[in-house]
């Protein structure tokens, strides 16, 4: 009976030891889990703090960018208005006049050739929110859109200057053709052929008023649209013209490239009279 009792006691002791070991392991596991929970909560709190900080920084940056954009837009607008006022102050020296309107500025561009005042054109510009052409009387064959795209947003004075060069050159070419048709029609065969831009002229002509034929044929091309003199001159003799006129045709070609068209014909008349 004693040995059996001892065995029961030993068995109970082993069970107690196993239970205590399990409890100890469970406590250690719970301790580890609690430590992990605390670690994760700490990481969570750090991440939340980082996110809040990033939001604050982003909001500050957005406000700063917004203020900068407003300031830049205001500065650009002020610069444009100042630029327009500067143009108004000096434009009268270049045949360009202007006056402020409720919507912007209206510029008038006067054209002239050899001290003769010709046509006047206007361009009405809006300056808010950006500089743009509101209305104009510029002929459709003048490259207004191309000039505006290149200069209008950055340099209004340059825009007006280039546009004025185009208009004055066109006016000069048209004036020469009109003068030739009006004063020397008896030396031209038929009607002077020209396009809208007056940068291509073709006609047959004679030098002597006594001649019954028109032995010379000329083609004038004005490749530079800001110039009133041709860049290409081609003078040839008709098939029935005397061979001796070929040298005269070459001289005419040189003259047309240097002198206004009507002045060249005036020199022909002077030479015939002398």
Protein backbone atom coordinates (compact mmCIF):
# COMPACT_ATOMS: atom_id res chain seq x y z
CA UNK A 1 0.00 0.00 0.00
CA UNK A 2 2.90 2.40 0.75
CA UNK A 3 4.51 1.99 -2.68
CA UNK A 4 1.20 2.53 -4.43
CA UNK A 5 0.65 5.69 -2.43
CA UNK A 6 4.13 6.93 -3.32
CA UNK A 7 3.51 6.26 -6.97
CA UNK A 8 0.29 8.29 -6.84
CA UNK A 9 2.14 11.14 -5.16
CA UNK A 10 4.86 11.04 -7.80
CA UNK A 11 2.27 11.03 -10.56
CA UNK A 12 0.50 13.99 -9.01
CA UNK A 13 3.82 15.80 -8.62
CA UNK A 14 4.61 15.20 -12.32
CA UNK A 15 1.16 16.46 -13.33
CA UNK A 16 1.63 19.56 -11.19
CA UNK A 17 5.09 20.13 -12.69
CA UNK A 18 3.71 19.74 -16.24
CA UNK A 19 0.85 22.14 -15.48
CA UNK A 20 3.23 24.65 -13.93
CA UNK A 21 5.51 24.38 -16.98
CA UNK A 22 2.56 24.92 -19.29
CA UNK A 23 1.38 27.88 -17.22
CA UNK A 24 4.87 29.32 -17.28
CA UNK A 25 5.07 28.91 -21.06
CA UNK A 26 1.61 30.43 -21.43
CA UNK A 27 2.61 33.41 -19.28
CA UNK A 28 5.79 33.87 -21.29
CA UNK A 29 3.78 33.68 -24.52
CA UNK A 30 1.30 36.22 -23.22
CA UNK A 31 4.14 38.45 -22.14
CA UNK A 32 5.68 38.23 -25.61
CA UNK A 33 2.31 38.96 -27.23
CA UNK A 34 1.75 41.96 -24.96
CA UNK A 35 5.21 43.24 -25.79
CA UNK A 36 4.47 42.79 -29.50
CA UNK A 37 1.16 44.63 -29.11
CA UNK A 38 2.93 47.51 -27.37
CA UNK A 39 5.53 47.56 -30.18
CA UNK A 40 2.86 47.60 -32.88
CA UNK A 41 0.91 50.34 -31.11
CA UNK A 42 4.09 52.39 -30.89
CA UNK A 43 4.71 51.91 -34.62
CA UNK A 44 1.09 52.83 -35.33
CA UNK A 45 1.37 56.02 -33.27
CA UNK A 46 4.62 56.93 -35.05
CA UNK A 47 3.06 56.34 -38.48
CA UNK A 48 -0.01 58.40 -37.57
CA UNK A 49 2.21 61.23 -36.36
CA UNK A 50 4.24 61.02 -39.60
CA UNK A 51 1.07 61.11 -41.71
CA UNK A 52 -0.26 64.12 -39.81
CA UNK A 53 3.07 65.89 -40.25
CA UNK A 54 3.12 65.14 -43.98
CA UNK A 55 -0.43 66.50 -44.32
CA UNK A 56 0.57 69.71 -42.56
CA UNK A 57 3.64 70.08 -44.77
CA UNK A 58 1.61 69.40 -47.93
CA UNK A 59 -1.05 71.93 -46.91
CA UNK A 60 1.65 74.54 -46.25
CA UNK A 61 3.24 73.81 -49.64
CA UNK A 62 -0.13 74.00 -51.42
CA UNK A 63 -0.91 77.32 -49.74
CA UNK A 64 2.55 78.61 -50.63
CA UNK A 65 2.18 77.48 -54.27
CA UNK A 66 -1.28 79.02 -54.46
CA UNK A 67 -0.01 82.31 -53.05
CA UNK A 68 2.95 82.18 -55.45
CA UNK A 69 0.67 81.47 -58.42
CA UNK A 70 -1.61 84.37 -57.46
CA UNK A 71 1.39 86.60 -56.96
CA UNK A 72 2.94 85.49 -60.28
CA UNK A 73 -0.31 85.99 -62.19
CA UNK A 74 -0.71 89.43 -60.65
CA UNK A 75 2.92 90.28 -61.44
CA UNK A 76 2.55 89.09 -65.04
CA UNK A 77 -0.62 91.12 -65.50
CA UNK A 78 1.03 94.21 -64.02
CA UNK A 79 4.01 93.69 -66.33
CA UNK A 80 1.73 93.40 -69.36
CA UNK A 81 -0.15 96.57 -68.45
CA UNK A 82 3.15 98.38 -67.87
CA UNK A 83 4.43 97.09 -71.20
CA UNK A 84 1.32 98.35 -72.99
CA UNK A 85 1.63 101.77 -71.34
CA UNK A 86 5.27 101.91 -72.40
CA UNK A 87 4.26 101.17 -75.98
CA UNK A 88 1.64 103.93 -75.86
CA UNK A 89 4.29 106.44 -74.75
CA UNK A 90 6.73 105.82 -77.62
CA UNK A 91 4.53 104.46 -80.42
CA UNK A 92 3.78 107.86 -81.96
CA UNK A 93 7.40 107.99 -83.15
CA UNK A 94 6.90 104.93 -85.38
CA UNK A 95 3.54 105.65 -87.01
CA UNK A 96 1.70 103.68 -84.36
CA UNK A 97 -0.79 105.39 -82.07
CA UNK A 98 -3.00 103.92 -79.40
CA UNK A 99 -5.52 104.66 -76.69
CA UNK A 100 -6.73 102.71 -73.71
CA UNK A 101 -10.25 101.30 -73.79
CA UNK A 102 -12.43 99.68 -71.13
CA UNK A 103 -11.32 96.25 -72.33
CA UNK A 104 -7.71 96.94 -73.26
CA UNK A 105 -5.89 99.04 -75.84
CA UNK A 106 -6.70 99.96 -79.44
CA UNK A 107 -3.67 100.57 -81.69
CA UNK A 108 -3.76 102.35 -85.06
CA UNK A 109 -0.96 101.58 -87.51
CA UNK A 110 -0.46 104.21 -90.22
CA UNK A 111 1.36 103.19 -93.40
CA UNK A 112 3.36 105.41 -95.73
CA UNK A 113 5.69 105.16 -98.69
CA UNK A 114 8.13 107.85 -99.80
CA UNK A 115 6.50 110.46 -97.52
CA UNK A 116 3.05 109.62 -98.90
CA UNK A 117 0.56 108.60 -96.23
CA UNK A 118 -1.45 105.56 -97.26
CA UNK A 119 -3.88 103.28 -95.40
CA UNK A 120 -4.41 102.98 -91.64
CA UNK A 121 -5.20 99.73 -89.81
CA UNK A 122 -6.27 99.08 -86.25
CA UNK A 123 -5.73 96.25 -83.76
CA UNK A 124 -7.78 96.10 -80.55
CA UNK A 125 -5.99 94.13 -77.83
CA UNK A 126 -7.41 92.70 -74.61
CA UNK A 127 -4.95 92.46 -71.69
CA UNK A 128 -6.98 90.39 -69.20
CA UNK A 129 -6.62 87.54 -68.39
CA UNK A 130 -4.01 87.33 -71.14
CA UNK A 131 -3.11 89.52 -74.09
CA UNK A 132 -5.21 88.61 -77.11
CA UNK A 133 -6.54 90.19 -80.29
CA UNK A 134 -10.17 91.24 -79.89
CA UNK A 135 -10.80 92.97 -83.25
CA UNK A 136 -8.68 94.19 -86.16
CA UNK A 137 -8.79 95.50 -89.73
CA UNK A 138 -5.59 93.84 -90.92
CA UNK A 139 -6.00 92.19 -94.37
CA UNK A 140 -6.37 88.42 -94.25
CA UNK A 141 -3.22 87.84 -96.34
CA UNK A 142 -1.01 89.51 -93.71
CA UNK A 143 0.28 86.73 -91.35
CA UNK A 144 -1.25 88.32 -88.25
CA UNK A 145 -1.82 85.06 -86.34
CA UNK A 146 1.76 83.93 -86.94
CA UNK A 147 3.16 87.26 -85.73
CA UNK A 148 0.86 87.24 -82.68
CA UNK A 149 1.83 83.68 -81.76
CA UNK A 150 5.49 84.62 -81.86
CA UNK A 151 5.49 87.97 -80.03
CA UNK A 152 2.14 88.98 -78.51
CA UNK A 153 2.51 87.25 -75.12
CA UNK A 154 6.14 88.25 -74.54
CA UNK A 155 6.77 91.58 -76.28
CA UNK A 156 3.85 93.74 -77.43
CA UNK A 157 6.19 96.41 -78.78
CA UNK A 158 7.94 93.86 -80.97
CA UNK A 159 4.57 92.49 -82.11
CA UNK A 160 3.44 95.95 -83.24
CA UNK A 161 6.80 96.69 -84.88
CA UNK A 162 6.81 93.48 -86.95
CA UNK A 163 3.14 93.94 -87.90
CA UNK A 164 3.88 97.53 -88.93
CA UNK A 165 6.81 96.33 -91.08
CA UNK A 166 4.52 93.87 -92.89
CA UNK A 167 1.77 96.45 -93.43
CA UNK A 168 4.15 99.19 -94.61
CA UNK A 169 5.93 96.83 -96.99
CA UNK A 170 2.59 95.70 -98.44
CA UNK A 171 1.42 99.30 -98.75
CA UNK A 172 4.68 100.20 -100.51
CA UNK A 173 4.40 97.34 -103.01
CA UNK A 174 0.75 98.18 -103.72
CA UNK A 175 1.54 101.87 -104.08
CA UNK A 176 4.25 101.16 -106.66
CA UNK A 177 1.95 98.91 -108.68
CA UNK A 178 -0.86 101.50 -108.54
CA UNK A 179 1.51 104.28 -109.62
CA UNK A 180 2.78 102.18 -112.50
CA UNK A 181 -0.74 101.35 -113.66
CA UNK A 182 -1.88 104.97 -113.32
CA UNK A 183 1.02 106.87 -114.89
CA UNK A 184 2.63 104.38 -117.28
CA UNK A 185 -0.32 102.38 -118.58
CA UNK A 186 0.65 103.24 -122.18
CA UNK A 187 3.94 101.38 -121.68
CA UNK A 188 2.30 98.27 -120.24
CA UNK A 189 0.51 95.66 -122.28
CA UNK A 190 -2.94 95.06 -120.85
CA UNK A 191 -3.43 94.88 -117.10
CA UNK A 192 -0.67 94.47 -114.59
CA UNK A 193 -0.93 90.97 -113.07
CA UNK A 194 -0.56 90.92 -109.27
CA UNK A 195 -1.78 88.89 -106.32
CA UNK A 196 -3.52 90.21 -103.19
CA UNK A 197 -0.29 90.58 -101.24
CA UNK A 198 1.35 92.35 -104.19
CA UNK A 199 4.46 90.22 -103.73
CA UNK A 200 4.28 88.85 -107.27
CA UNK A 201 4.00 91.12 -110.33
CA UNK A 202 4.04 90.00 -113.96
CA UNK A 203 3.62 92.19 -117.04
CA UNK A 204 4.91 93.00 -120.52
CA UNK A 205 6.22 96.47 -121.20
CA UNK A 206 8.01 98.72 -123.65
CA UNK A 207 10.48 101.54 -123.10
CA UNK A 208 9.78 103.75 -126.09
CA UNK A 209 6.35 105.31 -126.45
CA UNK A 210 6.87 105.10 -130.23
CA UNK A 211 7.17 101.32 -130.17
CA UNK A 212 4.08 99.39 -131.21
CA UNK A 213 5.18 96.17 -129.51
CA UNK A 214 5.97 95.30 -125.92
CA UNK A 215 9.33 93.51 -126.20
CA UNK A 216 10.07 93.04 -122.48
CA UNK A 217 8.47 90.62 -120.06
CA UNK A 218 9.18 91.00 -116.32
CA UNK A 219 8.45 88.86 -113.29
CA UNK A 220 9.04 90.46 -109.88
CA UNK A 221 8.97 88.33 -106.73
CA UNK A 222 9.06 89.95 -103.29
CA UNK A 223 10.30 87.08 -101.13
CA UNK A 224 10.80 89.28 -98.07
CA UNK A 225 7.31 90.33 -97.00
CA UNK A 226 8.77 93.12 -94.88
CA UNK A 227 10.44 94.72 -97.90
CA UNK A 228 9.05 96.84 -100.75
CA UNK A 229 11.81 95.90 -103.21
CA UNK A 230 11.85 92.57 -105.06
CA UNK A 231 14.20 89.77 -104.07
CA UNK A 232 13.98 88.09 -107.48
CA UNK A 233 13.82 89.93 -110.82
CA UNK A 234 13.50 88.20 -114.16
CA UNK A 235 13.42 90.39 -117.28
CA UNK A 236 13.36 88.67 -120.64
CA UNK A 237 12.69 89.65 -124.22
CA UNK A 238 9.76 88.35 -126.20
CA UNK A 239 10.51 85.98 -129.06
CA UNK A 240 9.99 88.67 -131.68
CA UNK A 241 12.21 91.28 -129.96
CA UNK A 242 15.51 92.33 -131.60
CA UNK A 243 18.63 90.63 -130.20
CA UNK A 244 20.09 94.03 -129.31
CA UNK A 245 17.50 94.40 -126.55
CA UNK A 246 18.95 91.53 -124.47
CA UNK A 247 21.61 93.83 -122.97
CA UNK A 248 18.94 96.40 -122.14
CA UNK A 249 16.89 93.70 -120.41
CA UNK A 250 19.81 92.90 -118.13
CA UNK A 251 20.16 96.58 -117.22
CA UNK A 252 16.44 96.76 -116.46
CA UNK A 253 16.70 93.72 -114.20
CA UNK A 254 19.36 95.44 -112.09
CA UNK A 255 17.34 98.68 -111.98
CA UNK A 256 14.12 96.96 -110.80
CA UNK A 257 16.00 95.31 -107.93
CA UNK A 258 17.26 98.67 -106.60
CA UNK A 259 14.64 101.29 -107.46
CA UNK A 260 10.91 101.63 -106.90
CA UNK A 261 8.96 100.34 -109.86
CA UNK A 262 7.37 103.65 -110.96
CA UNK A 263 10.70 105.44 -110.54
CA UNK A 264 12.35 102.92 -112.84
CA UNK A 265 9.78 103.65 -115.54
CA UNK A 266 10.22 107.37 -114.96
CA UNK A 267 13.92 106.92 -115.67
CA UNK A 268 13.00 105.16 -118.94
CA UNK A 269 10.98 108.18 -120.00
CA UNK A 270 13.75 110.58 -119.01
CA UNK A 271 16.28 108.59 -121.01
CA UNK A 272 14.01 108.64 -124.08
CA UNK A 273 13.52 112.41 -123.84
CA UNK A 274 17.24 113.05 -123.56
